[in-house]
Amino acid sequence: MIHPSRDFLDRFGDAEHCLKLLDRSRRELLRLAESLSDAQFYTRRKPEQWSPAEEMEHIALVEESGGKVIRMLRKVARGQMELPPAGPSGQTRPDGRLVAPPAVQPKGGLSRQEVLDRLRAVRERLLLEVAESKEGIAQPPTFCHPFFGELTALGWLQTLVYNEQHHLEQIRARLHS
């Protein structure tokens, strides 16, 4: 799937709806992770495709990064810090698919338990960040996402919903091919 437009993110709705979607997809992801054999969990179907373990590590890295941006935007809104400069724009492959920025590319080598623990830990932190942000989550300030441009904290939360659902679908499709 070629990445969606910013307008596409609006389909995920407000923070409450995003959290419901994230809860559902995370339960599915954890159930899937626990049901796979080691060979299924760690094997790449093609050299250029991540294994399910790597996909899940990527999900955790993206969610950790998104949670940090949500916290930063809250602090900027409260006058507790200045907005830092945005990072570089995201890269795409010739077919239009996104290339994960280096900071959120999986390193591999994690045990299944380490992957699962990381997914659980980053979700706990994200929930705290969203709860702390309260009603201000949909308000400015904004910070530039590498692929979607200027987004409020809610926009960043919506990208996390998209990312997790997208990679969950990729894992399922690769397992069934």
N, C-alpha and C. Protein backbone atom coordinates (compact mmCIF):
# COMPACT_ATOMS: atom_id res chain seq x y z
N MET A 1 0.84 -1.19 0.00
CA MET A 1 0.00 0.00 0.00
C MET A 1 0.88 1.24 0.00
N ILE A 2 0.61 2.13 -0.88
CA ILE A 2 1.29 3.42 -0.89
C ILE A 2 0.72 4.22 0.27
N HIS A 3 1.57 5.00 0.91
CA HIS A 3 1.12 5.69 2.12
C HIS A 3 -0.04 6.64 1.85
N PRO A 4 -0.92 6.76 2.84
CA PRO A 4 -2.11 7.60 2.66
C PRO A 4 -1.79 9.08 2.84
N SER A 5 -2.75 9.89 2.48
CA SER A 5 -2.61 11.33 2.68
C SER A 5 -2.92 11.67 4.14
N ARG A 6 -2.62 12.90 4.53
CA ARG A 6 -2.95 13.36 5.87
C ARG A 6 -4.44 13.28 6.13
N ASP A 7 -5.24 13.58 5.12
CA ASP A 7 -6.70 13.52 5.28
C ASP A 7 -7.16 12.11 5.66
N PHE A 8 -6.46 11.10 5.16
CA PHE A 8 -6.79 9.71 5.46
C PHE A 8 -6.72 9.46 6.97
N LEU A 9 -5.81 10.14 7.65
CA LEU A 9 -5.64 9.92 9.09
C LEU A 9 -6.89 10.31 9.87
N ASP A 10 -7.67 11.26 9.36
CA ASP A 10 -8.87 11.71 10.05
C ASP A 10 -9.88 10.59 10.26
N ARG A 11 -9.81 9.55 9.44
CA ARG A 11 -10.76 8.45 9.59
C ARG A 11 -10.60 7.74 10.94
N PHE A 12 -9.46 7.94 11.59
CA PHE A 12 -9.23 7.30 12.88
C PHE A 12 -9.86 8.07 14.03
N GLY A 13 -10.37 9.27 13.75
CA GLY A 13 -11.16 10.01 14.72
C GLY A 13 -10.38 10.65 15.85
N ASP A 14 -11.10 10.88 16.93
CA ASP A 14 -10.53 11.57 18.09
C ASP A 14 -9.65 10.62 18.91
N ALA A 15 -9.06 11.16 19.96
CA ALA A 15 -8.11 10.37 20.77
C ALA A 15 -8.77 9.14 21.36
N GLU A 16 -10.00 9.29 21.84
CA GLU A 16 -10.69 8.15 22.45
C GLU A 16 -10.86 7.02 21.44
N HIS A 17 -11.27 7.36 20.22
CA HIS A 17 -11.45 6.35 19.19
C HIS A 17 -10.10 5.74 18.80
N CYS A 18 -9.08 6.56 18.69
CA CYS A 18 -7.74 6.05 18.38
C CYS A 18 -7.29 5.03 19.43
N LEU A 19 -7.52 5.34 20.69
CA LEU A 19 -7.11 4.42 21.76
C LEU A 19 -7.87 3.11 21.69
N LYS A 20 -9.14 3.15 21.32
CA LYS A 20 -9.91 1.91 21.15
C LYS A 20 -9.34 1.08 20.00
N LEU A 21 -9.03 1.76 18.89
CA LEU A 21 -8.44 1.05 17.75
C LEU A 21 -7.08 0.48 18.10
N LEU A 22 -6.28 1.24 18.82
CA LEU A 22 -4.96 0.75 19.23
C LEU A 22 -5.07 -0.43 20.19
N ASP A 23 -6.04 -0.39 21.07
CA ASP A 23 -6.24 -1.50 22.00
C ASP A 23 -6.59 -2.77 21.23
N ARG A 24 -7.51 -2.63 20.28
CA ARG A 24 -7.93 -3.79 19.48
C ARG A 24 -6.76 -4.35 18.67
N SER A 25 -6.04 -3.48 17.97
CA SER A 25 -4.96 -3.98 17.13
C SER A 25 -3.81 -4.55 17.97
N ARG A 26 -3.58 -3.97 19.14
CA ARG A 26 -2.50 -4.51 19.98
C ARG A 26 -2.86 -5.90 20.52
N ARG A 27 -4.11 -6.08 20.93
CA ARG A 27 -4.53 -7.42 21.38
C ARG A 27 -4.36 -8.43 20.25
N GLU A 28 -4.73 -8.06 19.04
CA GLU A 28 -4.57 -8.95 17.88
C GLU A 28 -3.10 -9.23 17.61
N LEU A 29 -2.29 -8.20 17.69
CA LEU A 29 -0.85 -8.36 17.43
C LEU A 29 -0.21 -9.29 18.46
N LEU A 30 -0.53 -9.10 19.74
CA LEU A 30 0.04 -9.95 20.79
C LEU A 30 -0.44 -11.39 20.65
N ARG A 31 -1.72 -11.56 20.34
CA ARG A 31 -2.26 -12.91 20.14
C ARG A 31 -1.53 -13.59 18.97
N LEU A 32 -1.33 -12.85 17.90
CA LEU A 32 -0.63 -13.40 16.74
C LEU A 32 0.80 -13.75 17.11
N ALA A 33 1.49 -12.87 17.79
CA ALA A 33 2.89 -13.11 18.17
C ALA A 33 3.03 -14.37 19.01
N GLU A 34 2.10 -14.56 19.91
CA GLU A 34 2.17 -15.73 20.79
C GLU A 34 1.79 -17.01 20.09
N SER A 35 1.07 -16.92 18.96
CA SER A 35 0.62 -18.12 18.26
C SER A 35 1.63 -18.63 17.23
N LEU A 36 2.61 -17.82 16.87
CA LEU A 36 3.55 -18.21 15.82
C LEU A 36 4.65 -19.13 16.34
N SER A 37 5.05 -20.04 15.50
CA SER A 37 6.22 -20.85 15.83
C SER A 37 7.46 -19.95 15.74
N ASP A 38 8.57 -20.40 16.29
CA ASP A 38 9.80 -19.60 16.19
C ASP A 38 10.18 -19.37 14.73
N ALA A 39 10.02 -20.39 13.90
CA ALA A 39 10.36 -20.23 12.48
C ALA A 39 9.49 -19.14 11.84
N GLN A 40 8.19 -19.15 12.12
CA GLN A 40 7.31 -18.13 11.56
C GLN A 40 7.64 -16.75 12.11
N PHE A 41 7.96 -16.67 13.39
CA PHE A 41 8.19 -15.39 14.06
C PHE A 41 9.46 -14.71 13.58
N TYR A 42 10.51 -15.49 13.34
CA TYR A 42 11.83 -14.91 13.04
C TYR A 42 12.24 -14.96 11.57
N THR A 43 11.49 -15.63 10.72
CA THR A 43 11.92 -15.83 9.34
C THR A 43 11.39 -14.73 8.42
N ARG A 44 12.31 -14.22 7.60
CA ARG A 44 11.93 -13.28 6.54
C ARG A 44 11.51 -14.11 5.33
N ARG A 45 10.35 -13.78 4.76
CA ARG A 45 9.88 -14.49 3.56
C ARG A 45 10.74 -14.14 2.35
N LYS A 46 11.19 -12.89 2.32
CA LYS A 46 12.08 -12.40 1.27
C LYS A 46 13.16 -11.58 1.96
N PRO A 47 14.35 -11.50 1.38
CA PRO A 47 15.42 -10.74 2.04
C PRO A 47 15.07 -9.29 2.35
N GLU A 48 14.26 -8.66 1.48
CA GLU A 48 13.93 -7.24 1.68
C GLU A 48 12.72 -7.03 2.59
N GLN A 49 12.09 -8.12 3.04
CA GLN A 49 10.92 -8.01 3.93
C GLN A 49 11.32 -8.35 5.36
N TRP A 50 10.75 -7.61 6.29
CA TRP A 50 11.02 -7.90 7.69
C TRP A 50 10.28 -9.15 8.13
N SER A 51 10.84 -9.82 9.11
CA SER A 51 10.16 -10.94 9.76
C SER A 51 9.05 -10.38 10.65
N PRO A 52 8.10 -11.20 11.09
CA PRO A 52 7.11 -10.71 12.06
C PRO A 52 7.76 -10.11 13.31
N ALA A 53 8.84 -10.70 13.78
CA ALA A 53 9.54 -10.14 14.95
C ALA A 53 10.06 -8.74 14.65
N GLU A 54 10.61 -8.54 13.46
CA GLU A 54 11.11 -7.22 13.08
C GLU A 54 9.98 -6.23 12.86
N GLU A 55 8.88 -6.69 12.27
CA GLU A 55 7.71 -5.81 12.09
C GLU A 55 7.24 -5.31 13.45
N MET A 56 7.18 -6.21 14.42
CA MET A 56 6.70 -5.85 15.76
C MET A 56 7.68 -4.94 16.49
N GLU A 57 8.97 -5.18 16.28
CA GLU A 57 9.98 -4.28 16.85
C GLU A 57 9.80 -2.87 16.25
N HIS A 58 9.57 -2.81 14.95
CA HIS A 58 9.33 -1.53 14.28
C HIS A 58 8.11 -0.83 14.87
N ILE A 59 7.02 -1.56 15.06
CA ILE A 59 5.81 -0.98 15.65
C ILE A 59 6.15 -0.36 17.00
N ALA A 60 6.91 -1.08 17.82
CA ALA A 60 7.29 -0.56 19.14
C ALA A 60 8.15 0.69 19.01
N LEU A 61 9.10 0.69 18.09
CA LEU A 61 9.97 1.86 17.90
C LEU A 61 9.18 3.08 17.45
N VAL A 62 8.25 2.87 16.52
CA VAL A 62 7.42 3.98 16.02
C VAL A 62 6.54 4.51 17.15
N GLU A 63 5.96 3.60 17.92
CA GLU A 63 5.08 4.04 19.01
C GLU A 63 5.87 4.79 20.08
N GLU A 64 7.06 4.32 20.37
CA GLU A 64 7.90 5.03 21.34
C GLU A 64 8.22 6.44 20.85
N SER A 65 8.58 6.55 19.59
CA SER A 65 8.88 7.84 18.99
C SER A 65 7.66 8.76 18.99
N GLY A 66 6.51 8.21 18.59
CA GLY A 66 5.28 9.01 18.57
C GLY A 66 4.89 9.49 19.96
N GLY A 67 5.07 8.64 20.96
CA GLY A 67 4.77 9.03 22.34
C GLY A 67 5.66 10.18 22.80
N LYS A 68 6.92 10.14 22.39
CA LYS A 68 7.84 11.23 22.74
C LYS A 68 7.42 12.54 22.08
N VAL A 69 6.94 12.47 20.84
CA VAL A 69 6.48 13.68 20.16
C VAL A 69 5.23 14.23 20.86
N ILE A 70 4.32 13.35 21.25
CA ILE A 70 3.11 13.80 21.96
C ILE A 70 3.51 14.49 23.26
N ARG A 71 4.45 13.93 23.99
CA ARG A 71 4.93 14.56 25.24
C ARG A 71 5.57 15.91 24.94
N MET A 72 6.39 15.97 23.90
CA MET A 72 7.06 17.21 23.53
C MET A 72 6.04 18.29 23.17
N LEU A 73 5.02 17.94 22.38
CA LEU A 73 4.01 18.92 21.99
C LEU A 73 3.24 19.42 23.20
N ARG A 74 3.00 18.55 24.16
CA ARG A 74 2.33 18.98 25.39
C ARG A 74 3.19 19.99 26.15
N LYS A 75 4.49 19.71 26.23
CA LYS A 75 5.40 20.62 26.93
C LYS A 75 5.53 21.95 26.21
N VAL A 76 5.55 21.92 24.89
CA VAL A 76 5.61 23.16 24.12
C VAL A 76 4.35 23.97 24.36
N ALA A 77 3.19 23.31 24.34
CA ALA A 77 1.92 24.01 24.56
C ALA A 77 1.87 24.65 25.94
N ARG A 78 2.52 24.04 26.92
CA ARG A 78 2.52 24.57 28.29
C ARG A 78 3.66 25.56 28.53
N GLY A 79 4.44 25.83 27.49
CA GLY A 79 5.55 26.77 27.63
C GLY A 79 6.73 26.21 28.38
N GLN A 80 6.83 24.90 28.48
CA GLN A 80 7.91 24.26 29.23
C GLN A 80 9.14 23.97 28.38
N MET A 81 9.00 24.12 27.06
CA MET A 81 10.13 23.91 26.17
C MET A 81 9.84 24.55 24.82
N GLU A 82 10.88 24.74 24.05
CA GLU A 82 10.76 25.26 22.68
C GLU A 82 10.64 24.09 21.72
N LEU A 83 9.94 24.31 20.63
CA LEU A 83 9.82 23.29 19.59
C LEU A 83 11.16 23.14 18.88
N PRO A 84 11.70 21.93 18.83
CA PRO A 84 12.97 21.74 18.12
C PRO A 84 12.74 21.74 16.61
N PRO A 85 13.82 21.84 15.84
CA PRO A 85 13.65 21.78 14.38
C PRO A 85 13.18 20.39 13.97
N ALA A 86 12.42 20.34 12.90
CA ALA A 86 11.93 19.06 12.38
C ALA A 86 13.08 18.27 11.78
N GLY A 87 12.88 16.96 11.75
CA GLY A 87 13.86 16.08 11.12
C GLY A 87 13.70 16.10 9.61
N PRO A 88 14.48 15.28 8.93
CA PRO A 88 14.40 15.24 7.47
C PRO A 88 13.08 14.62 7.00
N SER A 89 12.72 14.94 5.78
CA SER A 89 11.53 14.35 5.16
C SER A 89 11.76 12.86 4.95
N GLY A 90 10.66 12.12 4.95
CA GLY A 90 10.75 10.69 4.74
C GLY A 90 11.05 10.34 3.29
N GLN A 91 11.60 9.17 3.11
CA GLN A 91 11.95 8.67 1.78
C GLN A 91 10.94 7.62 1.35
N THR A 92 10.74 7.52 0.04
CA THR A 92 9.86 6.49 -0.50
C THR A 92 10.63 5.66 -1.53
N ARG A 93 10.16 4.45 -1.70
CA ARG A 93 10.73 3.57 -2.73
C ARG A 93 10.15 3.98 -4.08
N PRO A 94 10.75 3.49 -5.17
CA PRO A 94 10.21 3.82 -6.50
C PRO A 94 8.73 3.46 -6.68
N ASP A 95 8.26 2.42 -5.96
CA ASP A 95 6.85 2.03 -6.08
C ASP A 95 5.94 2.84 -5.15
N GLY A 96 6.50 3.80 -4.41
CA GLY A 96 5.71 4.67 -3.54
C GLY A 96 5.63 4.22 -2.10
N ARG A 97 6.12 3.02 -1.79
CA ARG A 97 6.09 2.57 -0.40
C ARG A 97 7.09 3.36 0.43
N LEU A 98 6.75 3.55 1.70
CA LEU A 98 7.59 4.31 2.61
C LEU A 98 8.82 3.53 3.03
N VAL A 99 9.89 4.26 3.26
CA VAL A 99 11.11 3.68 3.82
C VAL A 99 11.17 4.16 5.27
N ALA A 100 11.22 3.22 6.19
CA ALA A 100 11.26 3.58 7.60
C ALA A 100 12.52 4.40 7.87
N PRO A 101 12.39 5.54 8.55
CA PRO A 101 13.59 6.30 8.94
C PRO A 101 14.50 5.43 9.80
N PRO A 102 15.81 5.67 9.75
CA PRO A 102 16.76 4.83 10.49
C PRO A 102 16.40 4.61 11.97
N ALA A 103 15.88 5.63 12.63
CA ALA A 103 15.58 5.52 14.07
C ALA A 103 14.49 4.50 14.37
N VAL A 104 13.66 4.17 13.38
CA VAL A 104 12.58 3.22 13.63
C VAL A 104 12.71 1.95 12.79
N GLN A 105 13.91 1.72 12.26
CA GLN A 105 14.17 0.46 11.58
C GLN A 105 14.57 -0.57 12.62
N PRO A 106 13.98 -1.76 12.55
CA PRO A 106 14.32 -2.78 13.54
C PRO A 106 15.77 -3.23 13.42
N LYS A 107 16.36 -3.51 14.56
CA LYS A 107 17.74 -3.99 14.59
C LYS A 107 17.77 -5.51 14.56
N GLY A 108 16.67 -6.14 15.01
CA GLY A 108 16.61 -7.60 15.07
C GLY A 108 17.37 -8.11 16.28
N GLY A 109 17.35 -9.42 16.44
CA GLY A 109 18.10 -10.04 17.52
C GLY A 109 17.38 -10.07 18.86
N LEU A 110 16.14 -9.57 18.92
CA LEU A 110 15.40 -9.60 20.18
C LEU A 110 14.69 -10.95 20.32
N SER A 111 14.60 -11.43 21.54
CA SER A 111 13.82 -12.64 21.78
C SER A 111 12.34 -12.29 21.65
N ARG A 112 11.52 -13.31 21.52
CA ARG A 112 10.08 -13.08 21.45
C ARG A 112 9.61 -12.33 22.69
N GLN A 113 10.11 -12.74 23.87
CA GLN A 113 9.69 -12.09 25.10
C GLN A 113 10.12 -10.63 25.14
N GLU A 114 11.31 -10.33 24.63
CA GLU A 114 11.77 -8.94 24.58
C GLU A 114 10.89 -8.09 23.67
N VAL A 115 10.48 -8.66 22.54
CA VAL A 115 9.59 -7.94 21.62
C VAL A 115 8.25 -7.67 22.31
N LEU A 116 7.69 -8.70 22.94
CA LEU A 116 6.40 -8.55 23.61
C LEU A 116 6.49 -7.57 24.77
N ASP A 117 7.55 -7.65 25.54
CA ASP A 117 7.72 -6.72 26.66
C ASP A 117 7.85 -5.28 26.16
N ARG A 118 8.57 -5.11 25.08
CA ARG A 118 8.74 -3.76 24.52
C ARG A 118 7.42 -3.19 24.03
N LEU A 119 6.64 -4.03 23.34
CA LEU A 119 5.32 -3.59 22.88
C LEU A 119 4.43 -3.17 24.05
N ARG A 120 4.47 -3.94 25.11
CA ARG A 120 3.64 -3.62 26.29
C ARG A 120 4.14 -2.35 26.98
N ALA A 121 5.44 -2.21 27.12
CA ALA A 121 6.00 -1.05 27.82
C ALA A 121 5.75 0.25 27.06
N VAL A 122 5.95 0.25 25.75
CA VAL A 122 5.73 1.49 25.00
C VAL A 122 4.25 1.85 24.97
N ARG A 123 3.38 0.85 25.01
CA ARG A 123 1.95 1.15 25.04
C ARG A 123 1.57 1.81 26.37
N GLU A 124 2.13 1.31 27.46
CA GLU A 124 1.85 1.92 28.76
C GLU A 124 2.28 3.39 28.77
N ARG A 125 3.46 3.67 28.23
CA ARG A 125 3.95 5.06 28.20
C ARG A 125 3.09 5.92 27.28
N LEU A 126 2.68 5.37 26.15
CA LEU A 126 1.82 6.13 25.24
C LEU A 126 0.49 6.49 25.91
N LEU A 127 -0.10 5.55 26.60
CA LEU A 127 -1.37 5.82 27.28
C LEU A 127 -1.22 6.93 28.31
N LEU A 128 -0.09 6.94 29.01
CA LEU A 128 0.17 8.00 29.98
C LEU A 128 0.31 9.35 29.28
N GLU A 129 1.02 9.39 28.16
CA GLU A 129 1.21 10.64 27.42
C GLU A 129 -0.11 11.19 26.92
N VAL A 130 -0.95 10.31 26.39
CA VAL A 130 -2.24 10.75 25.88
C VAL A 130 -3.12 11.25 27.02
N ALA A 131 -3.12 10.53 28.14
CA ALA A 131 -3.91 10.96 29.30
C ALA A 131 -3.44 12.32 29.81
N GLU A 132 -2.14 12.53 29.85
CA GLU A 132 -1.59 13.82 30.29
C GLU A 132 -1.96 14.95 29.34
N SER A 133 -2.08 14.64 28.07
CA SER A 133 -2.37 15.67 27.06
C SER A 133 -3.83 16.11 27.08
N LYS A 134 -4.71 15.26 27.52
CA LYS A 134 -6.15 15.54 27.64
C LYS A 134 -6.73 16.21 26.41
N GLU A 135 -7.57 17.22 26.62
CA GLU A 135 -8.27 17.88 25.52
C GLU A 135 -7.32 18.61 24.57
N GLY A 136 -6.16 18.98 25.05
CA GLY A 136 -5.21 19.72 24.23
C GLY A 136 -4.57 18.90 23.13
N ILE A 137 -4.85 17.61 23.09
CA ILE A 137 -4.18 16.72 22.13
C ILE A 137 -4.48 17.11 20.68
N ALA A 138 -5.66 17.68 20.42
CA ALA A 138 -6.02 18.04 19.05
C ALA A 138 -5.67 19.49 18.71
N GLN A 139 -5.12 20.21 19.67
CA GLN A 139 -4.81 21.64 19.48
C GLN A 139 -3.35 21.82 19.09
N PRO A 140 -3.03 22.97 18.48
CA PRO A 140 -1.62 23.28 18.26
C PRO A 140 -0.88 23.33 19.58
N PRO A 141 0.39 23.15 19.57
CA PRO A 141 1.31 23.24 18.44
C PRO A 141 1.32 21.97 17.58
N THR A 142 2.05 22.06 16.50
CA THR A 142 2.23 20.93 15.59
C THR A 142 3.72 20.64 15.47
N PHE A 143 4.00 19.45 14.98
CA PHE A 143 5.38 19.05 14.69
C PHE A 143 5.35 18.27 13.39
N CYS A 144 6.36 18.46 12.58
CA CYS A 144 6.39 17.89 11.24
C CYS A 144 6.71 16.39 11.27
N HIS A 145 5.76 15.61 10.76
CA HIS A 145 5.95 14.17 10.58
C HIS A 145 6.72 13.97 9.29
N PRO A 146 7.61 12.99 9.22
CA PRO A 146 8.42 12.82 7.99
C PRO A 146 7.62 12.54 6.73
N PHE A 147 6.42 11.99 6.87
CA PHE A 147 5.62 11.66 5.69
C PHE A 147 4.32 12.44 5.59
N PHE A 148 3.76 12.88 6.71
CA PHE A 148 2.44 13.50 6.70
C PHE A 148 2.47 15.00 6.95
N GLY A 149 3.63 15.58 7.17
CA GLY A 149 3.73 17.01 7.38
C GLY A 149 3.36 17.43 8.80
N GLU A 150 2.92 18.67 8.93
CA GLU A 150 2.60 19.23 10.25
C GLU A 150 1.38 18.54 10.86
N LEU A 151 1.57 17.98 12.07
CA LEU A 151 0.49 17.29 12.77
C LEU A 151 0.44 17.72 14.22
N THR A 152 -0.77 17.81 14.75
CA THR A 152 -0.95 17.99 16.19
C THR A 152 -0.62 16.66 16.88
N ALA A 153 -0.67 16.66 18.18
CA ALA A 153 -0.46 15.40 18.93
C ALA A 153 -1.50 14.36 18.52
N LEU A 154 -2.74 14.80 18.27
CA LEU A 154 -3.76 13.85 17.80
C LEU A 154 -3.35 13.27 16.45
N GLY A 155 -2.85 14.09 15.56
CA GLY A 155 -2.38 13.58 14.27
C GLY A 155 -1.29 12.54 14.44
N TRP A 156 -0.39 12.77 15.37
CA TRP A 156 0.66 11.78 15.64
C TRP A 156 0.07 10.50 16.19
N LEU A 157 -0.94 10.61 17.05
CA LEU A 157 -1.62 9.43 17.58
C LEU A 157 -2.30 8.67 16.44
N GLN A 158 -2.91 9.39 15.52
CA GLN A 158 -3.55 8.76 14.37
C GLN A 158 -2.54 8.01 13.51
N THR A 159 -1.32 8.55 13.38
CA THR A 159 -0.31 7.84 12.59
C THR A 159 0.07 6.53 13.27
N LEU A 160 0.02 6.50 14.59
CA LEU A 160 0.34 5.26 15.31
C LEU A 160 -0.73 4.20 15.05
N VAL A 161 -1.99 4.62 14.97
CA VAL A 161 -3.06 3.68 14.62
C VAL A 161 -2.81 3.13 13.22
N TYR A 162 -2.55 4.03 12.29
CA TYR A 162 -2.28 3.60 10.91
C TYR A 162 -1.10 2.63 10.85
N ASN A 163 0.00 2.98 11.50
CA ASN A 163 1.21 2.17 11.44
C ASN A 163 0.96 0.77 11.98
N GLU A 164 0.32 0.68 13.14
CA GLU A 164 0.11 -0.65 13.74
C GLU A 164 -0.84 -1.48 12.88
N GLN A 165 -1.93 -0.89 12.42
CA GLN A 165 -2.87 -1.65 11.57
C GLN A 165 -2.20 -2.08 10.27
N HIS A 166 -1.42 -1.19 9.68
CA HIS A 166 -0.74 -1.49 8.42
C HIS A 166 0.22 -2.67 8.58
N HIS A 167 1.03 -2.64 9.63
CA HIS A 167 2.01 -3.72 9.81
C HIS A 167 1.37 -5.02 10.27
N LEU A 168 0.29 -4.94 11.02
CA LEU A 168 -0.46 -6.15 11.38
C LEU A 168 -1.00 -6.82 10.12
N GLU A 169 -1.54 -6.01 9.22
CA GLU A 169 -2.04 -6.55 7.94
C GLU A 169 -0.90 -7.15 7.12
N GLN A 170 0.26 -6.50 7.10
CA GLN A 170 1.42 -7.03 6.37
C GLN A 170 1.84 -8.39 6.93
N ILE A 171 1.92 -8.50 8.24
CA ILE A 171 2.32 -9.76 8.86
C ILE A 171 1.34 -10.86 8.47
N ARG A 172 0.05 -10.59 8.61
CA ARG A 172 -0.96 -11.60 8.26
C ARG A 172 -0.86 -12.02 6.80
N ALA A 173 -0.73 -11.03 5.91
CA ALA A 173 -0.67 -11.35 4.48
C ALA A 173 0.55 -12.20 4.16
N ARG A 174 1.67 -11.89 4.76
CA ARG A 174 2.89 -12.66 4.48
C ARG A 174 2.79 -14.07 5.04
N LEU A 175 2.13 -14.23 6.18
CA LEU A 175 1.98 -15.56 6.76
C LEU A 175 1.04 -16.43 5.94
N HIS A 176 0.09 -15.81 5.25
CA HIS A 176 -0.90 -16.55 4.48
C HIS A 176 -0.55 -16.66 3.01
N SER A 177 0.62 -16.16 2.62
CA SER A 177 0.99 -16.24 1.20
C SER A 177 1.81 -17.49 0.92
